[in-house]
C-alpha atoms as a PDB file:
ATOM      1  CA  MET A   1      -1.833 -16.241 -20.617  1.00  0.00           C
ATOM      2  CA  THR A   2      -5.067 -17.491 -19.111  1.00  0.00           C
ATOM      3  CA  THR A   3      -7.619 -19.712 -20.806  1.00  0.00           C
ATOM      4  CA  LEU A   4      -9.934 -16.773 -20.665  1.00  0.00           C
ATOM      5  CA  GLU A   5      -7.626 -14.498 -22.490  1.00  0.00           C
ATOM      6  CA  ALA A   6      -7.351 -17.048 -25.404  1.00  0.00           C
ATOM      7  CA  ALA A   7     -11.143 -17.627 -25.471  1.00  0.00           C
ATOM      8  CA  SER A   8     -11.669 -13.771 -25.787  1.00  0.00           C
ATOM      9  CA  GLY A   9      -9.487 -13.372 -28.742  1.00  0.00           C
ATOM     10  CA  GLY A  10      -6.044 -12.919 -27.289  1.00  0.00           C
ATOM     11  CA  LEU A  11      -2.909 -14.622 -28.722  1.00  0.00           C
ATOM     12  CA  THR A  12      -2.912 -18.333 -28.383  1.00  0.00           C
ATOM     13  CA  THR A  13       0.627 -19.166 -29.790  1.00  0.00           C
ATOM     14  CA  GLY A  14       2.253 -15.867 -30.454  1.00  0.00           C
ATOM     15  CA  TRP A  15       2.624 -16.825 -34.136  1.00  0.00           C
ATOM     16  CA  GLU A  16      -0.666 -15.816 -35.472  1.00  0.00           C
ATOM     17  CA  ALA A  17      -0.631 -15.066 -39.162  1.00  0.00           C
ATOM     18  CA  ASP A  18      -1.865 -11.572 -38.682  1.00  0.00           C
ATOM     19  CA  LEU A  19       0.850 -10.596 -36.266  1.00  0.00           C
ATOM     20  CA  PRO A  20       3.263  -8.023 -37.987  1.00  0.00           C
ATOM     21  CA  PRO A  21       6.807  -9.269 -38.947  1.00  0.00           C
ATOM     22  CA  GLU A  22       8.283  -7.040 -36.313  1.00  0.00           C
ATOM     23  CA  ASP A  23       6.342  -8.599 -33.477  1.00  0.00           C
ATOM     24  CA  THR A  24       9.479 -10.229 -32.549  1.00  0.00           C
ATOM     25  CA  GLU A  25      12.838 -10.438 -34.082  1.00  0.00           C
ATOM     26  CA  LEU A  26      12.646 -14.246 -34.471  1.00  0.00           C
ATOM     27  CA  ARG A  27       9.311 -13.820 -36.330  1.00  0.00           C
ATOM     28  CA  ARG A  28      10.889 -11.202 -38.692  1.00  0.00           C
ATOM     29  CA  PHE A  29      13.806 -13.510 -39.320  1.00  0.00           C
ATOM     30  CA  VAL A  30      11.699 -16.598 -39.962  1.00  0.00           C
ATOM     31  CA  LEU A  31       9.616 -14.551 -42.504  1.00  0.00           C
ATOM     32  CA  ALA A  32      12.612 -13.006 -44.110  1.00  0.00           C
ATOM     33  CA  TRP A  33      14.505 -16.271 -44.399  1.00  0.00           C
ATOM     34  CA  SER A  34      11.680 -17.903 -46.079  1.00  0.00           C
ATOM     35  CA  GLU A  35      11.574 -15.070 -48.728  1.00  0.00           C
ATOM     36  CA  TYR A  36      15.327 -15.477 -49.166  1.00  0.00           C
ATOM     37  CA  LEU A  37      14.817 -19.055 -50.056  1.00  0.00           C
ATOM     38  CA  ALA A  38      11.634 -18.432 -52.119  1.00  0.00           C
ATOM     39  CA  GLY A  39      12.749 -15.353 -54.093  1.00  0.00           C
ATOM     40  CA  PRO A  40      15.547 -17.051 -56.177  1.00  0.00           C
ATOM     41  CA  VAL A  41      13.514 -20.252 -56.754  1.00  0.00           C
ATOM     42  CA  ASP A  42      10.501 -18.263 -57.826  1.00  0.00           C
ATOM     43  CA  ALA A  43      12.648 -16.192 -60.322  1.00  0.00           C
ATOM     44  CA  MET A  44      14.297 -19.170 -61.788  1.00  0.00           C
ATOM     45  CA  GLY A  45      10.802 -20.911 -62.475  1.00  0.00           C
ATOM     46  CA  GLY A  46      10.869 -23.315 -59.569  1.00  0.00           C
ATOM     47  CA  ARG A  47       7.982 -24.351 -57.256  1.00  0.00           C
ATOM     48  CA  VAL A  48       7.226 -22.227 -54.206  1.00  0.00           C
ATOM     49  CA  VAL A  49       4.430 -23.610 -51.974  1.00  0.00           C
ATOM     50  CA  ARG A  50       3.089 -21.468 -49.024  1.00  0.00           C
ATOM     51  CA  THR A  51       0.885 -22.805 -46.297  1.00  0.00           C
ATOM     52  CA  ASP A  52       0.135 -21.492 -42.736  1.00  0.00           C
ATOM     53  CA  ASP A  53       2.533 -24.258 -41.610  1.00  0.00           C
ATOM     54  CA  ALA A  54       5.573 -23.964 -44.026  1.00  0.00           C
ATOM     55  CA  VAL A  55       7.128 -22.385 -47.062  1.00  0.00           C
ATOM     56  CA  THR A  56       8.588 -25.022 -49.439  1.00  0.00           C
ATOM     57  CA  THR A  57      10.933 -24.241 -52.280  1.00  0.00           C
ATOM     58  CA  ASP A  58      12.034 -26.496 -54.950  1.00  0.00           C
ATOM     59  CA  LEU A  59      13.794 -26.449 -58.303  1.00  0.00           C
ATOM     60  CA  GLY A  60      13.639 -30.197 -58.787  1.00  0.00           C
ATOM     61  CA  ARG A  61      17.389 -30.507 -58.913  1.00  0.00           C
ATOM     62  CA  PRO A  62      20.373 -30.056 -56.433  1.00  0.00           C
ATOM     63  CA  VAL A  63      20.656 -26.384 -55.415  1.00  0.00           C
ATOM     64  CA  SER A  64      22.106 -26.625 -51.973  1.00  0.00           C
ATOM     65  CA  TYR A  65      19.785 -24.804 -49.454  1.00  0.00           C
ATOM     66  CA  TRP A  66      17.431 -23.411 -52.067  1.00  0.00           C
ATOM     67  CA  THR A  67      15.506 -26.718 -51.991  1.00  0.00           C
ATOM     68  CA  SER A  68      14.012 -26.300 -48.489  1.00  0.00           C
ATOM     69  CA  ALA A  69      11.094 -26.176 -46.261  1.00  0.00           C
ATOM     70  CA  ILE A  70      10.995 -23.799 -43.422  1.00  0.00           C
ATOM     71  CA  LEU A  71       8.417 -24.012 -40.706  1.00  0.00           C
ATOM     72  CA  MET A  72       6.479 -20.797 -40.225  1.00  0.00           C
ATOM     73  CA  ARG A  73       5.063 -21.383 -36.886  1.00  0.00           C
ATOM     74  CA  PRO A  74       5.687 -23.915 -33.947  1.00  0.00           C
ATOM     75  CA  PRO A  75       3.462 -26.983 -34.786  1.00  0.00           C
ATOM     76  CA  ASP A  76       1.093 -28.156 -32.184  1.00  0.00           C
ATOM     77  CA  PRO A  77       2.749 -31.380 -30.790  1.00  0.00           C
ATOM     78  CA  ALA A  78      -0.212 -33.435 -32.080  1.00  0.00           C
ATOM     79  CA  ARG A  79       0.169 -32.108 -35.578  1.00  0.00           C
ATOM     80  CA  TRP A  80       3.767 -32.756 -36.306  1.00  0.00           C
ATOM     81  CA  ASP A  81       2.988 -35.689 -38.578  1.00  0.00           C
ATOM     82  CA  VAL A  82       0.326 -33.649 -40.442  1.00  0.00           C
ATOM     83  CA  VAL A  83       2.882 -30.793 -41.072  1.00  0.00           C
ATOM     84  CA  LEU A  84       5.622 -33.151 -42.155  1.00  0.00           C
ATOM     85  CA  ASP A  85       3.250 -35.133 -44.482  1.00  0.00           C
ATOM     86  CA  GLY A  86       2.466 -31.865 -46.320  1.00  0.00           C
ATOM     87  CA  VAL A  87       6.158 -30.874 -46.582  1.00  0.00           C
ATOM     88  CA  GLU A  88       7.001 -34.347 -47.877  1.00  0.00           C
ATOM     89  CA  ARG A  89       4.304 -34.383 -50.380  1.00  0.00           C
ATOM     90  CA  THR A  90       5.694 -31.319 -51.925  1.00  0.00           C
ATOM     91  CA  LEU A  91       9.369 -32.196 -51.808  1.00  0.00           C
ATOM     92  CA  PHE A  92       9.351 -35.827 -52.590  1.00  0.00           C
ATOM     93  CA  SER A  93       6.775 -35.978 -55.349  1.00  0.00           C
ATOM     94  CA  ASP A  94       9.643 -35.794 -57.809  1.00  0.00           C
ATOM     95  CA  GLY A  95      13.109 -34.128 -58.266  1.00  0.00           C
ATOM     96  CA  THR A  96      16.620 -35.109 -57.266  1.00  0.00           C
ATOM     97  CA  GLY A  97      19.140 -33.897 -54.710  1.00  0.00           C
ATOM     98  CA  ARG A  98      19.190 -33.222 -50.978  1.00  0.00           C
ATOM     99  CA  VAL A  99      16.411 -31.207 -49.330  1.00  0.00           C
ATOM    100  CA  HIS A 100      16.491 -29.317 -46.138  1.00  0.00           C
ATOM    101  CA  LEU A 101      14.091 -28.650 -43.275  1.00  0.00           C
ATOM    102  CA  TRP A 102      14.517 -25.513 -41.126  1.00  0.00           C
ATOM    103  CA  SER A 103      12.795 -25.079 -37.852  1.00  0.00           C
ATOM    104  CA  ALA A 104      13.233 -22.185 -35.402  1.00  0.00           C
ATOM    105  CA  TRP A 105      11.995 -24.593 -32.608  1.00  0.00           C
ATOM    106  CA  PRO A 106      13.054 -27.937 -31.320  1.00  0.00           C
ATOM    107  CA  THR A 107      11.564 -30.763 -33.292  1.00  0.00           C
ATOM    108  CA  PRO A 108      10.936 -34.434 -32.603  1.00  0.00           C
ATOM    109  CA  ASP A 109      13.412 -36.948 -33.791  1.00  0.00           C
ATOM    110  CA  LEU A 110      12.691 -37.307 -37.512  1.00  0.00           C
ATOM    111  CA  THR A 111      15.100 -40.092 -38.312  1.00  0.00           C
ATOM    112  CA  ALA A 112      12.333 -42.694 -38.554  1.00  0.00           C
ATOM    113  CA  ARG A 113      10.982 -40.664 -41.512  1.00  0.00           C
ATOM    114  CA  GLY A 114      14.301 -40.733 -43.261  1.00  0.00           C
ATOM    115  CA  TRP A 115      15.614 -37.507 -42.289  1.00  0.00           C
ATOM    116  CA  GLU A 116      19.213 -36.800 -41.006  1.00  0.00           C
ATOM    117  CA  LEU A 117      19.994 -34.192 -38.446  1.00  0.00           C
ATOM    118  CA  GLU A 118      22.528 -31.653 -39.933  1.00  0.00           C
ATOM    119  CA  GLY A 119      22.871 -29.482 -36.807  1.00  0.00           C
ATOM    120  CA  HIS A 120      21.592 -26.483 -34.894  1.00  0.00           C
ATOM    121  CA  PRO A 121      22.948 -23.361 -36.613  1.00  0.00           C
ATOM    122  CA  PRO A 122      23.035 -20.164 -34.502  1.00  0.00           C
ATOM    123  CA  LEU A 123      20.876 -17.228 -35.396  1.00  0.00           C
ATOM    124  CA  LEU A 124      22.736 -13.949 -35.040  1.00  0.00           C
ATOM    125  CA  LEU A 125      21.425 -10.442 -35.295  1.00  0.00           C
ATOM    126  CA  ARG A 126      23.138  -7.104 -35.732  1.00  0.00           C
ATOM    127  CA  PRO A 127      21.239  -3.895 -35.093  1.00  0.00           C
ATOM    128  CA  PRO A 128      21.679  -1.116 -37.603  1.00  0.00           C
ATOM    129  CA  GLY A 129      24.452   1.445 -37.195  1.00  0.00           C
ATOM    130  CA  GLY A 130      27.772   0.920 -35.273  1.00  0.00           C
ATOM    131  CA  PRO A 131      31.144   0.753 -36.772  1.00  0.00           C
ATOM    132  CA  LEU A 132      31.739  -1.300 -39.797  1.00  0.00           C
ATOM    133  CA  PRO A 133      34.308  -4.137 -39.610  1.00  0.00           C
ATOM    134  CA  PRO A 134      37.784  -2.666 -40.677  1.00  0.00           C
ATOM    135  CA  ASP A 135      38.918  -3.426 -44.260  1.00  0.00           C
ATOM    136  CA  GLY A 136      42.689  -3.441 -44.543  1.00  0.00           C
ATOM    137  CA  THR A 137      42.843  -6.400 -47.141  1.00  0.00           C
ATOM    138  CA  ASP A 138      43.931  -6.530 -50.779  1.00  0.00           C
ATOM    139  CA  LEU A 139      40.475  -7.970 -51.733  1.00  0.00           C
ATOM    140  CA  THR A 140      38.614  -5.942 -54.423  1.00  0.00           C
ATOM    141  CA  VAL A 141      34.817  -6.610 -54.242  1.00  0.00           C
ATOM    142  CA  ARG A 142      32.645  -6.099 -57.156  1.00  0.00           C
ATOM    143  CA  GLU A 143      28.867  -6.683 -57.373  1.00  0.00           C
ATOM    144  CA  VAL A 144      27.710  -9.252 -59.972  1.00  0.00           C
ATOM    145  CA  ALA A 145      26.189  -7.330 -63.027  1.00  0.00           C
ATOM    146  CA  ASP A 146      25.974  -9.863 -65.831  1.00  0.00           C
ATOM    147  CA  GLU A 147      25.664 -13.494 -66.613  1.00  0.00           C
ATOM    148  CA  GLU A 148      29.506 -14.041 -67.000  1.00  0.00           C
ATOM    149  CA  GLU A 149      30.069 -12.493 -63.547  1.00  0.00           C
ATOM    150  CA  LEU A 150      27.335 -14.634 -62.038  1.00  0.00           C
ATOM    151  CA  GLU A 151      29.178 -17.813 -63.388  1.00  0.00           C
ATOM    152  CA  THR A 152      32.331 -16.555 -61.760  1.00  0.00           C
ATOM    153  CA  TRP A 153      30.553 -16.031 -58.465  1.00  0.00           C
ATOM    154  CA  GLU A 154      28.794 -19.419 -58.720  1.00  0.00           C
ATOM    155  CA  ARG A 155      32.130 -21.248 -59.383  1.00  0.00           C
ATOM    156  CA  VAL A 156      33.498 -19.605 -56.125  1.00  0.00           C
ATOM    157  CA  ALA A 157      30.402 -20.312 -53.962  1.00  0.00           C
ATOM    158  CA  VAL A 158      30.103 -23.929 -54.984  1.00  0.00           C
ATOM    159  CA  HIS A 159      33.818 -24.731 -54.375  1.00  0.00           C
ATOM    160  CA  GLY A 160      34.172 -22.345 -51.311  1.00  0.00           C
ATOM    161  CA  TYR A 161      31.234 -23.583 -49.357  1.00  0.00           C
ATOM    162  CA  PRO A 162      31.451 -26.192 -50.518  1.00  0.00           C
ATOM    163  CA  MET A 163      28.493 -27.674 -52.260  1.00  0.00           C
ATOM    164  CA  PRO A 164      29.374 -31.418 -53.119  1.00  0.00           C
ATOM    165  CA  GLU A 165      26.272 -32.117 -55.027  1.00  0.00           C
ATOM    166  CA  LEU A 166      27.088 -29.446 -57.634  1.00  0.00           C
ATOM    167  CA  MET A 167      30.557 -30.768 -58.286  1.00  0.00           C
ATOM    168  CA  PRO A 168      32.241 -31.023 -60.815  1.00  0.00           C
ATOM    169  CA  TRP A 169      31.027 -27.487 -61.209  1.00  0.00           C
ATOM    170  CA  ARG A 170      29.519 -26.227 -64.546  1.00  0.00           C
ATOM    171  CA  PRO A 171      27.829 -23.010 -65.388  1.00  0.00           C
ATOM    172  CA  GLY A 172      24.216 -22.835 -64.250  1.00  0.00           C
ATOM    173  CA  ALA A 173      24.608 -25.747 -61.770  1.00  0.00           C
ATOM    174  CA  LEU A 174      23.322 -23.516 -59.083  1.00  0.00           C
ATOM    175  CA  PHE A 175      21.679 -20.365 -60.550  1.00  0.00           C
ATOM    176  CA  THR A 176      20.553 -19.373 -63.894  1.00  0.00           C
ATOM    177  CA  ASP A 177      20.828 -15.627 -65.004  1.00  0.00           C
ATOM    178  CA  SER A 178      17.206 -15.056 -64.031  1.00  0.00           C
ATOM    179  CA  VAL A 179      18.239 -15.213 -60.320  1.00  0.00           C
ATOM    180  CA  ARG A 180      19.463 -11.658 -60.747  1.00  0.00           C
ATOM    181  CA  SER A 181      15.938 -10.394 -60.972  1.00  0.00           C
ATOM    182  CA  SER A 182      15.000 -11.991 -57.640  1.00  0.00           C
ATOM    183  CA  GLY A 183      16.344  -9.370 -55.323  1.00  0.00           C
ATOM    184  CA  LEU A 184      19.383 -11.427 -54.314  1.00  0.00           C
ATOM    185  CA  ARG A 185      22.524  -9.235 -54.621  1.00  0.00           C
ATOM    186  CA  LEU A 186      25.771 -11.014 -55.094  1.00  0.00           C
ATOM    187  CA  TRP A 187      29.295  -9.844 -54.567  1.00  0.00           C
ATOM    188  CA  THR A 188      32.627 -11.468 -55.866  1.00  0.00           C
ATOM    189  CA  GLY A 189      36.042 -10.747 -54.190  1.00  0.00           C
ATOM    190  CA  TYR A 190      39.216 -10.720 -56.250  1.00  0.00           C
ATOM    191  CA  ALA A 191      42.720 -10.939 -55.109  1.00  0.00           C
ATOM    192  CA  ASP A 192      45.597 -10.449 -57.566  1.00  0.00           C
ATOM    193  CA  GLY A 193      42.912 -10.747 -60.380  1.00  0.00           C
ATOM    194  CA  GLU A 194      41.689 -14.175 -59.007  1.00  0.00           C
ATOM    195  CA  ALA A 195      38.110 -14.608 -57.890  1.00  0.00           C
ATOM    196  CA  VAL A 196      38.492 -16.062 -54.404  1.00  0.00           C
ATOM    197  CA  ALA A 197      35.436 -15.016 -52.411  1.00  0.00           C
ATOM    198  CA  ALA A 198      31.726 -14.733 -52.821  1.00  0.00           C
ATOM    199  CA  ALA A 199      28.769 -13.242 -50.837  1.00  0.00           C
ATOM    200  CA  GLY A 200      25.121 -12.433 -51.033  1.00  0.00           C
ATOM    201  CA  SER A 201      22.418 -10.376 -49.497  1.00  0.00           C
ATOM    202  CA  TYR A 202      18.626 -10.417 -49.463  1.00  0.00           C
ATOM    203  CA  VAL A 203      16.210  -7.928 -47.994  1.00  0.00           C
ATOM    204  CA  ALA A 204      12.674  -8.812 -46.888  1.00  0.00           C
ATOM    205  CA  HIS A 205      10.391  -7.456 -44.148  1.00  0.00           C
ATOM    206  CA  GLY A 206      12.881  -4.757 -43.216  1.00  0.00           C
ATOM    207  CA  LEU A 207      15.630  -7.212 -42.469  1.00  0.00           C
ATOM    208  CA  HIS A 208      18.989  -7.616 -44.282  1.00  0.00           C
ATOM    209  CA  VAL A 209      19.692 -11.394 -44.686  1.00  0.00           C
ATOM    210  CA  LEU A 210      23.326 -12.291 -45.126  1.00  0.00           C
ATOM    211  CA  ALA A 211      22.700 -14.988 -47.730  1.00  0.00           C
ATOM    212  CA  ILE A 212      26.047 -16.651 -48.090  1.00  0.00           C
ATOM    213  CA  GLY A 213      29.708 -15.731 -47.513  1.00  0.00           C
ATOM    214  CA  VAL A 214      32.611 -17.983 -48.620  1.00  0.00           C
ATOM    215  CA  VAL A 215      36.232 -17.724 -49.290  1.00  0.00           C
ATOM    216  CA  LEU A 216      38.245 -20.401 -51.313  1.00  0.00           C
ATOM    217  CA  PRO A 217      40.395 -22.632 -49.027  1.00  0.00           C
ATOM    218  CA  HIS A 218      43.698 -21.356 -50.241  1.00  0.00           C
ATOM    219  CA  ALA A 219      42.789 -17.668 -49.717  1.00  0.00           C
ATOM    220  CA  ARG A 220      41.542 -18.084 -46.178  1.00  0.00           C
ATOM    221  CA  GLY A 221      43.077 -16.486 -43.188  1.00  0.00           C
ATOM    222  CA  ARG A 222      43.733 -13.027 -44.892  1.00  0.00           C
ATOM    223  CA  GLY A 223      40.691 -11.150 -43.658  1.00  0.00           C
ATOM    224  CA  TYR A 224      38.616 -11.622 -46.790  1.00  0.00           C
ATOM    225  CA  TRP A 225      35.458 -12.901 -45.031  1.00  0.00           C
ATOM    226  CA  ARG A 226      35.574  -9.727 -42.980  1.00  0.00           C
ATOM    227  CA  THR A 227      35.803  -7.647 -46.095  1.00  0.00           C
ATOM    228  CA  LEU A 228      32.760  -9.402 -47.498  1.00  0.00           C
ATOM    229  CA  LEU A 229      30.937  -8.672 -44.281  1.00  0.00           C
ATOM    230  CA  ARG A 230      31.906  -5.001 -44.408  1.00  0.00           C
ATOM    231  CA  THR A 231      30.710  -4.707 -48.038  1.00  0.00           C
ATOM    232  CA  ARG A 232      27.307  -6.077 -47.185  1.00  0.00           C
ATOM    233  CA  LEU A 233      26.647  -4.161 -44.000  1.00  0.00           C
ATOM    234  CA  ALA A 234      27.627  -0.886 -45.834  1.00  0.00           C
ATOM    235  CA  ALA A 235      25.171  -1.651 -48.486  1.00  0.00           C
ATOM    236  CA  TYR A 236      22.317  -1.624 -45.874  1.00  0.00           C
ATOM    237  CA  PRO A 237      23.482   0.733 -43.109  1.00  0.00           C
ATOM    238  CA  ASP A 238      19.999   1.507 -41.839  1.00  0.00           C
ATOM    239  CA  LEU A 239      18.665  -2.082 -41.555  1.00  0.00           C
ATOM    240  CA  PRO A 240      19.253  -4.726 -38.963  1.00  0.00           C
ATOM    241  CA  SER A 241      21.233  -7.649 -40.373  1.00  0.00           C
ATOM    242  CA  ALA A 242      20.821 -11.299 -39.462  1.00  0.00           C
ATOM    243  CA  SER A 243      21.688 -14.738 -40.722  1.00  0.00           C
ATOM    244  CA  LEU A 244      22.176 -18.499 -39.646  1.00  0.00           C
ATOM    245  CA  PHE A 245      25.885 -18.826 -39.157  1.00  0.00           C
ATOM    246  CA  SER A 246      28.158 -21.904 -38.660  1.00  0.00           C
ATOM    247  CA  ASP A 247      29.859 -22.174 -35.326  1.00  0.00           C
ATOM    248  CA  MET A 248      33.010 -21.617 -37.161  1.00  0.00           C
ATOM    249  CA  SER A 249      32.189 -18.219 -38.528  1.00  0.00           C
ATOM    250  CA  ARG A 250      29.967 -17.241 -35.359  1.00  0.00           C
ATOM    251  CA  PRO A 251      32.987 -15.783 -33.323  1.00  0.00           C
ATOM    252  CA  GLY A 252      33.979 -13.396 -36.256  1.00  0.00           C
ATOM    253  CA  ALA A 253      30.405 -12.268 -36.666  1.00  0.00           C
ATOM    254  CA  GLN A 254      30.135 -11.533 -32.896  1.00  0.00           C
ATOM    255  CA  ARG A 255      33.409  -9.623 -32.975  1.00  0.00           C
ATOM    256  CA  HIS A 256      31.662  -7.264 -35.372  1.00  0.00           C
ATOM    257  CA  GLY A 257      28.496  -6.495 -33.546  1.00  0.00           C
ATOM    258  CA  PHE A 258      26.228  -9.568 -34.019  1.00  0.00           C
ATOM    259  CA  TRP A 259      24.189 -10.865 -31.007  1.00  0.00           C
ATOM    260  CA  PRO A 260      23.325 -14.485 -30.569  1.00  0.00           C
ATOM    261  CA  LEU A 261      19.603 -14.883 -30.306  1.00  0.00           C
ATOM    262  CA  SER A 262      18.840 -18.477 -30.745  1.00  0.00           C
ATOM    263  CA  ARG A 263      19.606 -21.757 -32.466  1.00  0.00           C
ATOM    264  CA  PHE A 264      17.587 -23.359 -35.406  1.00  0.00           C
ATOM    265  CA  THR A 265      17.231 -27.024 -36.063  1.00  0.00           C
ATOM    266  CA  LEU A 266      18.257 -28.258 -39.576  1.00  0.00           C
ATOM    267  CA  TRP A 267      17.372 -31.569 -41.021  1.00  0.00           C
ATOM    268  CA  THR A 268      18.317 -32.987 -44.397  1.00  0.00           C
ATOM    269  CA  ARG A 269      16.982 -35.843 -46.640  1.00  0.00           C
ATOM    270  CA  GLN A 270      18.238 -37.236 -49.876  1.00  0.00           C
ATOM    271  CA  ARG A 271      15.869 -37.581 -52.916  1.00  0.00           C
ATOM    272  CA  CYS A 272      16.427 -40.245 -55.568  1.00  0.00           C
END
């Protein structure tokens, strides 16, 4: 792009606020991921702060990744401190637990500001259609429909992920029942009557976000993660699906039609 194009009203960064979500798949995912974080927090009465630079979500207590800030556009190199000052004012004014900072772009070293680098999770996308992962397991998957089922889902998610800040687990440590009105759909997997797997989905901006997918340690290696993936893809057959995966789960996702697009940068910092 030339300077003349920018001066005449053309794109200057490719992340202007008035660009549609589908301008690029990365932009669609950044917007959808921010809504996946914000929707449950808003439904449970937490704080959601939206600026041009970041969306920040906070329940004031440990709630794993739902206490977060996600950058909404690549900051000008000269504005990194300004952007981070705004995020930190929101997240560190009060509250407890670990907070997270997500960036679709490389960041400066933030350790001098007290942040710790958690890693660079890969972003994977699956176009709509295509064959579903095979089932062939003894896992029975049921969608969460009431508060009691939510507590079962939550217990499996906390221990299966795991989420150390929420241990020892107690009902409501992660979610209250109002989260079921947020648009977050939750499924629990049962084997021989025991709840051993948990998964979630969230749809925003025409994208199906795979929210979480865990299996308790003693039940792994039986294809249950694949069954959870099949269940969620079948729920949204006409939408593209995407998420940030671990490098451990990435190969399984790619075997079932997901394409690697990019890597995010994830920082964490502990509140008092």
